[in-house]
Amino acid sequence: MDLTKDKSPLAEVAAPAPKKAAAAPKLDDAAVAAYLKAHPDFLLKHPGLLETLTPPEMHRGDTVVDMQQFMLQRHRSEIAGLKTQQSELVTLSRLNLTGQARVHASVLALLSAQSFEHLIQIVTTDLAVLLDTDVVTIGVETTSAQPVKIPLSGVLLLQPGMVEAMLGADRDVRLIAETDGEPKVFGSGAGLVKSAAYMRVHVSSKAPNGLLSLGSRKIDTFHPGQGTELLHFLARTLAIVIAGWLDLTPD
């Protein structure tokens, strides 16, 4: 039995040809003008286009200069400048929030010390991680002319007057954008330091001058344009905590 001859009537019906995708309408000046006339509020919904569109020049005679183009260019330059300032402000705000969080975490770490030795360990070890720096040291001026044995690991003995020499008499925080690490201040970690922050640690009138130093291997990590309030707060907190462990009354 030849099944090829027994064809269904449906088989004789040709399959419909696939529809072609409709071609996108071609835009010309007339089409754009017609669309804008039909949607007069289009530029209100898309004000950013005003920055890219060029208005027609106004002709008021050969001796009259059309200032519209100059004003438009100035307006666009001002907008570009404002956008740049806004971006810089957002970046600065984020950095400030990050710095604030780091200092607050450092202060909490100082307050959690279980002993004076533990406090020094936190300062010289933990603060480097919390503050995202490479070296943190604390130095204390000695009043003795003879060599003195360092009482605690991590504490550096400084020559008399060195705190004033590093900071100056009229400030408690100094930021340096680019510098070579001072071995007398940073000890064995001085070779890593390319940018530094120095803070006065005034514990009490009965205690010698102290210096908290932060060092970073990245140039411009600290620079004079930065605010110093948070670092001053950190150093002041450290001074109060030290005074508490040494039974001194902070000034």
C-alpha atoms as a PDB file:
ATOM      1  CA  MET A   1       0.000   0.000   0.000  1.00  0.00           C
ATOM      2  CA  ASP A   2       1.529   3.237  -1.128  1.00  0.00           C
ATOM      3  CA  LEU A   3       1.038   5.771   1.634  1.00  0.00           C
ATOM      4  CA  THR A   4       2.561   8.531  -0.449  1.00  0.00           C
ATOM      5  CA  LYS A   5      -0.550   8.728  -2.586  1.00  0.00           C
ATOM      6  CA  ASP A   6      -2.874   9.106   0.407  1.00  0.00           C
ATOM      7  CA  LYS A   7      -2.257  12.740   1.086  1.00  0.00           C
ATOM      8  CA  SER A   8      -4.352  14.858   3.397  1.00  0.00           C
ATOM      9  CA  PRO A   9      -5.996  17.912   1.849  1.00  0.00           C
ATOM     10  CA  LEU A  10      -4.226  19.988   4.516  1.00  0.00           C
ATOM     11  CA  ALA A  11      -0.905  18.999   3.064  1.00  0.00           C
ATOM     12  CA  GLU A  12      -1.764  20.782  -0.157  1.00  0.00           C
ATOM     13  CA  VAL A  13      -2.243  24.058   1.675  1.00  0.00           C
ATOM     14  CA  ALA A  14       0.975  26.060   1.532  1.00  0.00           C
ATOM     15  CA  ALA A  15       2.400  27.242   4.883  1.00  0.00           C
ATOM     16  CA  PRO A  16       2.077  30.999   5.326  1.00  0.00           C
ATOM     17  CA  ALA A  17       5.235  32.961   4.730  1.00  0.00           C
ATOM     18  CA  PRO A  18       6.787  34.455   7.905  1.00  0.00           C
ATOM     19  CA  LYS A  19       5.965  38.094   8.421  1.00  0.00           C
ATOM     20  CA  LYS A  20       8.787  40.523   8.003  1.00  0.00           C
ATOM     21  CA  ALA A  21       9.521  42.892  10.852  1.00  0.00           C
ATOM     22  CA  ALA A  22       8.166  46.301  10.175  1.00  0.00           C
ATOM     23  CA  ALA A  23      10.907  48.718   9.266  1.00  0.00           C
ATOM     24  CA  ALA A  24      11.503  51.532  11.721  1.00  0.00           C
ATOM     25  CA  PRO A  25      10.073  54.785  10.430  1.00  0.00           C
ATOM     26  CA  LYS A  26      12.658  57.073   8.984  1.00  0.00           C
ATOM     27  CA  LEU A  27      12.996  60.287  10.954  1.00  0.00           C
ATOM     28  CA  ASP A  28      13.476  63.525   9.118  1.00  0.00           C
ATOM     29  CA  ASP A  29      13.116  67.159  10.078  1.00  0.00           C
ATOM     30  CA  ALA A  30       9.425  67.167   9.247  1.00  0.00           C
ATOM     31  CA  ALA A  31       8.720  64.089  11.368  1.00  0.00           C
ATOM     32  CA  VAL A  32      10.617  65.501  14.382  1.00  0.00           C
ATOM     33  CA  ALA A  33       8.850  68.865  14.015  1.00  0.00           C
ATOM     34  CA  ALA A  34       5.460  67.140  13.793  1.00  0.00           C
ATOM     35  CA  TYR A  35       6.198  65.098  16.923  1.00  0.00           C
ATOM     36  CA  LEU A  36       7.243  68.165  18.909  1.00  0.00           C
ATOM     37  CA  LYS A  37       4.111  70.012  17.819  1.00  0.00           C
ATOM     38  CA  ALA A  38       2.016  67.077  19.004  1.00  0.00           C
ATOM     39  CA  HIS A  39       3.944  66.932  22.313  1.00  0.00           C
ATOM     40  CA  PRO A  40       4.664  70.546  23.318  1.00  0.00           C
ATOM     41  CA  ASP A  41       5.751  69.480  26.827  1.00  0.00           C
ATOM     42  CA  PHE A  42       8.498  67.154  25.543  1.00  0.00           C
ATOM     43  CA  LEU A  43      11.402  69.406  26.609  1.00  0.00           C
ATOM     44  CA  LEU A  44       9.815  69.911  30.018  1.00  0.00           C
ATOM     45  CA  LYS A  45       9.976  66.146  30.530  1.00  0.00           C
ATOM     46  CA  HIS A  46      13.517  65.958  29.176  1.00  0.00           C
ATOM     47  CA  PRO A  47      15.280  69.189  30.271  1.00  0.00           C
ATOM     48  CA  GLY A  48      18.716  67.622  29.807  1.00  0.00           C
ATOM     49  CA  LEU A  49      18.300  67.975  26.053  1.00  0.00           C
ATOM     50  CA  LEU A  50      18.467  71.747  26.388  1.00  0.00           C
ATOM     51  CA  GLU A  51      22.173  71.403  27.189  1.00  0.00           C
ATOM     52  CA  THR A  52      22.864  69.744  23.840  1.00  0.00           C
ATOM     53  CA  LEU A  53      20.511  71.632  21.541  1.00  0.00           C
ATOM     54  CA  THR A  54      21.795  74.714  19.739  1.00  0.00           C
ATOM     55  CA  PRO A  55      19.265  77.519  19.395  1.00  0.00           C
ATOM     56  CA  PRO A  56      19.073  79.510  16.137  1.00  0.00           C
ATOM     57  CA  GLU A  57      21.072  82.647  15.873  1.00  0.00           C
ATOM     58  CA  MET A  58      19.125  85.865  15.925  1.00  0.00           C
ATOM     59  CA  HIS A  59      19.919  88.287  13.134  1.00  0.00           C
ATOM     60  CA  ARG A  60      19.317  91.919  14.046  1.00  0.00           C
ATOM     61  CA  GLY A  61      21.543  93.484  11.460  1.00  0.00           C
ATOM     62  CA  ASP A  62      25.187  93.340  10.525  1.00  0.00           C
ATOM     63  CA  THR A  63      26.232  95.689  13.319  1.00  0.00           C
ATOM     64  CA  VAL A  64      24.397  93.839  16.126  1.00  0.00           C
ATOM     65  CA  VAL A  65      26.132  90.942  17.877  1.00  0.00           C
ATOM     66  CA  ASP A  66      23.918  88.079  19.049  1.00  0.00           C
ATOM     67  CA  MET A  67      24.962  87.355  22.662  1.00  0.00           C
ATOM     68  CA  GLN A  68      22.670  84.345  22.921  1.00  0.00           C
ATOM     69  CA  GLN A  69      25.360  81.897  21.808  1.00  0.00           C
ATOM     70  CA  PHE A  70      27.890  83.292  24.289  1.00  0.00           C
ATOM     71  CA  MET A  71      25.365  83.104  27.116  1.00  0.00           C
ATOM     72  CA  LEU A  72      24.474  79.528  26.186  1.00  0.00           C
ATOM     73  CA  GLN A  73      28.105  78.416  26.198  1.00  0.00           C
ATOM     74  CA  ARG A  74      28.655  80.105  29.559  1.00  0.00           C
ATOM     75  CA  HIS A  75      25.540  78.423  30.930  1.00  0.00           C
ATOM     76  CA  ARG A  76      26.754  75.026  29.765  1.00  0.00           C
ATOM     77  CA  SER A  77      30.199  75.613  31.281  1.00  0.00           C
ATOM     78  CA  GLU A  78      28.612  76.586  34.597  1.00  0.00           C
ATOM     79  CA  ILE A  79      26.479  73.439  34.585  1.00  0.00           C
ATOM     80  CA  ALA A  80      29.530  71.278  33.858  1.00  0.00           C
ATOM     81  CA  GLY A  81      31.415  72.990  36.689  1.00  0.00           C
ATOM     82  CA  LEU A  82      28.543  72.455  39.114  1.00  0.00           C
ATOM     83  CA  LYS A  83      28.371  68.775  38.201  1.00  0.00           C
ATOM     84  CA  THR A  84      32.105  68.428  38.866  1.00  0.00           C
ATOM     85  CA  GLN A  85      31.788  70.200  42.211  1.00  0.00           C
ATOM     86  CA  GLN A  86      28.848  68.012  43.154  1.00  0.00           C
ATOM     87  CA  SER A  87      30.797  64.862  42.340  1.00  0.00           C
ATOM     88  CA  GLU A  88      33.782  66.078  44.373  1.00  0.00           C
ATOM     89  CA  LEU A  89      31.515  66.971  47.304  1.00  0.00           C
ATOM     90  CA  VAL A  90      29.920  63.525  47.299  1.00  0.00           C
ATOM     91  CA  THR A  91      33.345  61.869  47.230  1.00  0.00           C
ATOM     92  CA  LEU A  92      34.605  64.087  50.066  1.00  0.00           C
ATOM     93  CA  SER A  93      31.506  63.378  52.154  1.00  0.00           C
ATOM     94  CA  ARG A  94      31.998  59.649  51.749  1.00  0.00           C
ATOM     95  CA  LEU A  95      35.654  59.939  52.770  1.00  0.00           C
ATOM     96  CA  ASN A  96      34.702  61.991  55.821  1.00  0.00           C
ATOM     97  CA  LEU A  97      32.119  59.420  56.887  1.00  0.00           C
ATOM     98  CA  THR A  98      34.659  56.642  56.441  1.00  0.00           C
ATOM     99  CA  GLY A  99      37.255  58.547  58.475  1.00  0.00           C
ATOM    100  CA  GLN A 100      34.726  59.274  61.194  1.00  0.00           C
ATOM    101  CA  ALA A 101      33.778  55.602  61.452  1.00  0.00           C
ATOM    102  CA  ARG A 102      37.438  54.579  61.668  1.00  0.00           C
ATOM    103  CA  VAL A 103      38.216  57.049  64.452  1.00  0.00           C
ATOM    104  CA  HIS A 104      35.120  56.050  66.411  1.00  0.00           C
ATOM    105  CA  ALA A 105      36.127  52.391  66.159  1.00  0.00           C
ATOM    106  CA  SER A 106      39.619  53.313  67.362  1.00  0.00           C
ATOM    107  CA  VAL A 107      38.243  55.203  70.357  1.00  0.00           C
ATOM    108  CA  LEU A 108      36.090  52.226  71.329  1.00  0.00           C
ATOM    109  CA  ALA A 109      39.163  50.017  71.096  1.00  0.00           C
ATOM    110  CA  LEU A 110      41.102  52.329  73.436  1.00  0.00           C
ATOM    111  CA  LEU A 111      38.263  52.296  75.947  1.00  0.00           C
ATOM    112  CA  SER A 112      38.180  48.499  75.909  1.00  0.00           C
ATOM    113  CA  ALA A 113      41.777  48.115  77.186  1.00  0.00           C
ATOM    114  CA  GLN A 114      42.031  45.720  80.124  1.00  0.00           C
ATOM    115  CA  SER A 115      45.366  47.076  81.376  1.00  0.00           C
ATOM    116  CA  PHE A 116      47.906  49.763  80.599  1.00  0.00           C
ATOM    117  CA  GLU A 117      50.035  47.236  78.729  1.00  0.00           C
ATOM    118  CA  HIS A 118      46.976  46.186  76.744  1.00  0.00           C
ATOM    119  CA  LEU A 119      46.308  49.850  75.924  1.00  0.00           C
ATOM    120  CA  ILE A 120      49.796  50.290  74.470  1.00  0.00           C
ATOM    121  CA  GLN A 121      49.338  47.113  72.439  1.00  0.00           C
ATOM    122  CA  ILE A 122      46.067  48.461  71.033  1.00  0.00           C
ATOM    123  CA  VAL A 123      47.726  51.749  70.093  1.00  0.00           C
ATOM    124  CA  THR A 124      50.760  50.232  68.380  1.00  0.00           C
ATOM    125  CA  THR A 125      49.040  47.243  66.750  1.00  0.00           C
ATOM    126  CA  ASP A 126      45.275  47.536  66.431  1.00  0.00           C
ATOM    127  CA  LEU A 127      45.053  51.203  65.502  1.00  0.00           C
ATOM    128  CA  ALA A 128      47.087  50.646  62.337  1.00  0.00           C
ATOM    129  CA  VAL A 129      44.367  48.302  61.077  1.00  0.00           C
ATOM    130  CA  LEU A 130      41.434  50.368  62.347  1.00  0.00           C
ATOM    131  CA  LEU A 131      42.780  53.597  60.847  1.00  0.00           C
ATOM    132  CA  ASP A 132      43.980  51.967  57.616  1.00  0.00           C
ATOM    133  CA  THR A 133      47.564  53.130  58.092  1.00  0.00           C
ATOM    134  CA  ASP A 134      50.853  51.243  58.026  1.00  0.00           C
ATOM    135  CA  VAL A 135      52.618  52.398  61.197  1.00  0.00           C
ATOM    136  CA  VAL A 136      51.305  53.752  64.511  1.00  0.00           C
ATOM    137  CA  THR A 137      53.645  54.671  67.350  1.00  0.00           C
ATOM    138  CA  ILE A 138      53.453  56.527  70.610  1.00  0.00           C
ATOM    139  CA  GLY A 139      56.444  58.444  71.945  1.00  0.00           C
ATOM    140  CA  VAL A 140      57.111  60.050  75.308  1.00  0.00           C
ATOM    141  CA  GLU A 141      59.709  62.705  76.024  1.00  0.00           C
ATOM    142  CA  THR A 142      62.276  61.834  78.651  1.00  0.00           C
ATOM    143  CA  THR A 143      63.685  64.414  81.022  1.00  0.00           C
ATOM    144  CA  SER A 144      66.752  62.382  81.826  1.00  0.00           C
ATOM    145  CA  ALA A 145      70.082  63.153  80.194  1.00  0.00           C
ATOM    146  CA  GLN A 146      71.119  59.526  80.588  1.00  0.00           C
ATOM    147  CA  PRO A 147      69.829  56.666  78.410  1.00  0.00           C
ATOM    148  CA  VAL A 148      66.630  55.256  79.847  1.00  0.00           C
ATOM    149  CA  LYS A 149      65.331  51.748  79.298  1.00  0.00           C
ATOM    150  CA  ILE A 150      61.983  51.752  77.536  1.00  0.00           C
ATOM    151  CA  PRO A 151      59.433  50.541  80.103  1.00  0.00           C
ATOM    152  CA  LEU A 152      56.967  49.067  77.618  1.00  0.00           C
ATOM    153  CA  SER A 153      57.319  47.494  74.212  1.00  0.00           C
ATOM    154  CA  GLY A 154      55.966  49.853  71.569  1.00  0.00           C
ATOM    155  CA  VAL A 155      56.685  53.059  73.478  1.00  0.00           C
ATOM    156  CA  LEU A 156      59.436  55.237  72.021  1.00  0.00           C
ATOM    157  CA  LEU A 157      61.464  57.617  74.167  1.00  0.00           C
ATOM    158  CA  LEU A 158      61.875  61.051  72.604  1.00  0.00           C
ATOM    159  CA  GLN A 159      64.407  63.745  73.301  1.00  0.00           C
ATOM    160  CA  PRO A 160      63.180  66.733  75.349  1.00  0.00           C
ATOM    161  CA  GLY A 161      61.489  69.326  73.131  1.00  0.00           C
ATOM    162  CA  MET A 162      60.930  66.917  70.240  1.00  0.00           C
ATOM    163  CA  VAL A 163      57.121  67.140  70.426  1.00  0.00           C
ATOM    164  CA  GLU A 164      57.314  70.916  70.018  1.00  0.00           C
ATOM    165  CA  ALA A 165      59.816  70.465  67.200  1.00  0.00           C
ATOM    166  CA  MET A 166      57.483  68.097  65.328  1.00  0.00           C
ATOM    167  CA  LEU A 167      54.255  70.037  65.909  1.00  0.00           C
ATOM    168  CA  GLY A 168      55.132  73.599  66.734  1.00  0.00           C
ATOM    169  CA  ALA A 169      53.995  75.435  69.838  1.00  0.00           C
ATOM    170  CA  ASP A 170      50.655  76.613  68.443  1.00  0.00           C
ATOM    171  CA  ARG A 171      49.074  73.371  67.210  1.00  0.00           C
ATOM    172  CA  ASP A 172      48.238  69.893  68.428  1.00  0.00           C
ATOM    173  CA  VAL A 173      47.965  68.096  65.065  1.00  0.00           C
ATOM    174  CA  ARG A 174      50.259  68.265  62.050  1.00  0.00           C
ATOM    175  CA  LEU A 175      49.650  66.566  58.702  1.00  0.00           C
ATOM    176  CA  ILE A 176      52.409  66.039  56.138  1.00  0.00           C
ATOM    177  CA  ALA A 177      51.564  64.973  52.585  1.00  0.00           C
ATOM    178  CA  GLU A 178      55.020  63.694  51.594  1.00  0.00           C
ATOM    179  CA  THR A 179      57.890  62.910  53.909  1.00  0.00           C
ATOM    180  CA  ASP A 180      60.468  60.294  54.771  1.00  0.00           C
ATOM    181  CA  GLY A 181      59.726  58.511  58.022  1.00  0.00           C
ATOM    182  CA  GLU A 182      61.624  59.835  61.029  1.00  0.00           C
ATOM    183  CA  PRO A 183      63.338  56.871  62.780  1.00  0.00           C
ATOM    184  CA  LYS A 184      63.201  58.644  66.147  1.00  0.00           C
ATOM    185  CA  VAL A 185      59.425  58.807  65.809  1.00  0.00           C
ATOM    186  CA  PHE A 186      58.511  55.686  63.839  1.00  0.00           C
ATOM    187  CA  GLY A 187      61.273  53.365  64.984  1.00  0.00           C
ATOM    188  CA  SER A 188      61.799  50.292  62.814  1.00  0.00           C
ATOM    189  CA  GLY A 189      58.773  51.185  60.677  1.00  0.00           C
ATOM    190  CA  ALA A 190      60.227  54.490  59.478  1.00  0.00           C
ATOM    191  CA  GLY A 191      61.214  53.043  56.105  1.00  0.00           C
ATOM    192  CA  LEU A 192      57.553  52.459  55.216  1.00  0.00           C
ATOM    193  CA  VAL A 193      56.409  56.008  55.885  1.00  0.00           C
ATOM    194  CA  LYS A 194      55.790  58.408  52.994  1.00  0.00           C
ATOM    195  CA  SER A 195      53.004  60.482  54.568  1.00  0.00           C
ATOM    196  CA  ALA A 196      52.514  61.226  58.260  1.00  0.00           C
ATOM    197  CA  ALA A 197      50.193  62.640  60.911  1.00  0.00           C
ATOM    198  CA  TYR A 198      51.488  63.768  64.305  1.00  0.00           C
ATOM    199  CA  MET A 199      49.262  64.400  67.351  1.00  0.00           C
ATOM    200  CA  ARG A 200      50.115  65.841  70.730  1.00  0.00           C
ATOM    201  CA  VAL A 201      49.181  63.580  73.656  1.00  0.00           C
ATOM    202  CA  HIS A 202      48.934  65.836  76.686  1.00  0.00           C
ATOM    203  CA  VAL A 203      48.118  63.538  79.600  1.00  0.00           C
ATOM    204  CA  SER A 204      48.692  65.864  82.540  1.00  0.00           C
ATOM    205  CA  SER A 205      50.885  68.692  83.728  1.00  0.00           C
ATOM    206  CA  LYS A 206      52.615  66.059  85.851  1.00  0.00           C
ATOM    207  CA  ALA A 207      53.370  63.811  82.863  1.00  0.00           C
ATOM    208  CA  PRO A 208      55.879  64.331  80.050  1.00  0.00           C
ATOM    209  CA  ASN A 209      54.779  65.356  76.583  1.00  0.00           C
ATOM    210  CA  GLY A 210      53.589  62.547  74.339  1.00  0.00           C
ATOM    211  CA  LEU A 211      53.340  62.141  70.565  1.00  0.00           C
ATOM    212  CA  LEU A 212      50.979  59.843  68.663  1.00  0.00           C
ATOM    213  CA  SER A 213      52.262  59.285  65.120  1.00  0.00           C
ATOM    214  CA  LEU A 214      50.500  57.741  62.128  1.00  0.00           C
ATOM    215  CA  GLY A 215      52.482  56.759  59.047  1.00  0.00           C
ATOM    216  CA  SER A 216      51.311  55.645  55.624  1.00  0.00           C
ATOM    217  CA  ARG A 217      53.258  54.200  52.733  1.00  0.00           C
ATOM    218  CA  LYS A 218      51.062  56.183  50.325  1.00  0.00           C
ATOM    219  CA  ILE A 219      51.995  59.756  49.511  1.00  0.00           C
ATOM    220  CA  ASP A 220      49.268  62.324  50.267  1.00  0.00           C
ATOM    221  CA  THR A 221      47.344  60.042  52.634  1.00  0.00           C
ATOM    222  CA  PHE A 222      47.565  62.967  55.046  1.00  0.00           C
ATOM    223  CA  HIS A 223      47.787  66.545  53.837  1.00  0.00           C
ATOM    224  CA  PRO A 224      47.350  70.026  55.349  1.00  0.00           C
ATOM    225  CA  GLY A 225      43.993  70.520  53.614  1.00  0.00           C
ATOM    226  CA  GLN A 226      42.350  67.804  55.683  1.00  0.00           C
ATOM    227  CA  GLY A 227      40.318  68.504  58.796  1.00  0.00           C
ATOM    228  CA  THR A 228      42.058  67.666  62.056  1.00  0.00           C
ATOM    229  CA  GLU A 229      39.093  67.533  64.443  1.00  0.00           C
ATOM    230  CA  LEU A 230      38.796  63.736  64.399  1.00  0.00           C
ATOM    231  CA  LEU A 231      42.518  63.206  64.952  1.00  0.00           C
ATOM    232  CA  HIS A 232      42.499  65.730  67.781  1.00  0.00           C
ATOM    233  CA  PHE A 233      39.572  63.833  69.323  1.00  0.00           C
ATOM    234  CA  LEU A 234      41.485  60.561  69.027  1.00  0.00           C
ATOM    235  CA  ALA A 235      44.615  61.968  70.681  1.00  0.00           C
ATOM    236  CA  ARG A 236      42.603  63.606  73.459  1.00  0.00           C
ATOM    237  CA  THR A 237      40.773  60.348  74.153  1.00  0.00           C
ATOM    238  CA  LEU A 238      44.080  58.497  74.341  1.00  0.00           C
ATOM    239  CA  ALA A 239      45.432  61.070  76.800  1.00  0.00           C
ATOM    240  CA  ILE A 240      42.395  60.695  79.079  1.00  0.00           C
ATOM    241  CA  VAL A 241      42.600  56.888  78.995  1.00  0.00           C
ATOM    242  CA  ILE A 242      46.327  56.970  79.816  1.00  0.00           C
ATOM    243  CA  ALA A 243      45.657  59.377  82.691  1.00  0.00           C
ATOM    244  CA  GLY A 244      43.091  56.958  84.062  1.00  0.00           C
ATOM    245  CA  TRP A 245      45.479  54.013  84.064  1.00  0.00           C
ATOM    246  CA  LEU A 246      48.268  56.070  85.625  1.00  0.00           C
ATOM    247  CA  ASP A 247      45.981  57.634  88.272  1.00  0.00           C
ATOM    248  CA  LEU A 248      46.651  61.119  86.968  1.00  0.00           C
ATOM    249  CA  THR A 249      44.196  63.969  86.699  1.00  0.00           C
ATOM    250  CA  PRO A 250      43.941  65.102  83.063  1.00  0.00           C
ATOM    251  CA  ASP A 251      44.230  68.841  82.471  1.00  0.00           C
END
